């Protein structure tokens, strides 16, 4: 694997982590997610 491919992979992983962190800072999203998970049981 080329160096540029590895860098792109790391950048994509960092982007996903930042997106998840941004969602966790929104309480309304957490409530909705918890309700959807609870509805499975």
Protein backbone atom coordinates (compact mmCIF):
# COMPACT_ATOMS: atom_id res chain seq x y z
CA UNK A 1 0.00 0.00 0.00
CA UNK A 2 1.33 3.38 -0.95
CA UNK A 3 2.00 6.11 1.59
CA UNK A 4 -0.74 8.31 0.17
CA UNK A 5 -3.30 5.53 0.60
CA UNK A 6 -2.39 5.13 4.26
CA UNK A 7 -2.65 8.89 4.80
CA UNK A 8 -6.08 8.92 3.14
CA UNK A 9 -7.21 6.05 5.37
CA UNK A 10 -6.09 7.89 8.50
CA UNK A 11 -7.82 11.07 7.34
CA UNK A 12 -11.06 9.17 6.72
CA UNK A 13 -10.90 7.50 10.15
CA UNK A 14 -10.28 10.87 11.82
CA UNK A 15 -13.22 12.36 9.95
CA UNK A 16 -15.53 9.59 11.15
CA UNK A 17 -14.38 10.02 14.74
CA UNK A 18 -14.92 13.77 14.59
CA UNK A 19 -18.39 13.28 13.13
CA UNK A 20 -19.34 10.85 15.92
CA UNK A 21 -17.96 13.24 18.54
CA UNK A 22 -19.98 16.10 17.02
CA UNK A 23 -23.14 13.99 17.25
CA UNK A 24 -22.46 13.17 20.91
CA UNK A 25 -22.40 16.87 21.75
CA UNK A 26 -26.07 17.10 20.72
CA UNK A 27 -28.36 15.88 23.54
CA UNK A 28 -31.40 15.58 21.26
CA UNK A 29 -29.50 13.11 19.08
CA UNK A 30 -28.54 11.03 22.11
CA UNK A 31 -32.16 10.89 23.30
CA UNK A 32 -33.35 9.81 19.85
CA UNK A 33 -30.62 7.17 19.61
CA UNK A 34 -31.42 5.82 23.07
CA UNK A 35 -35.11 5.60 22.20
CA UNK A 36 -34.37 3.70 18.99
CA UNK A 37 -32.06 1.26 20.78
CA UNK A 38 -34.60 0.74 23.58
CA UNK A 39 -37.34 0.08 21.01
CA UNK A 40 -35.39 -3.00 19.84
CA UNK A 41 -36.07 -4.70 23.18
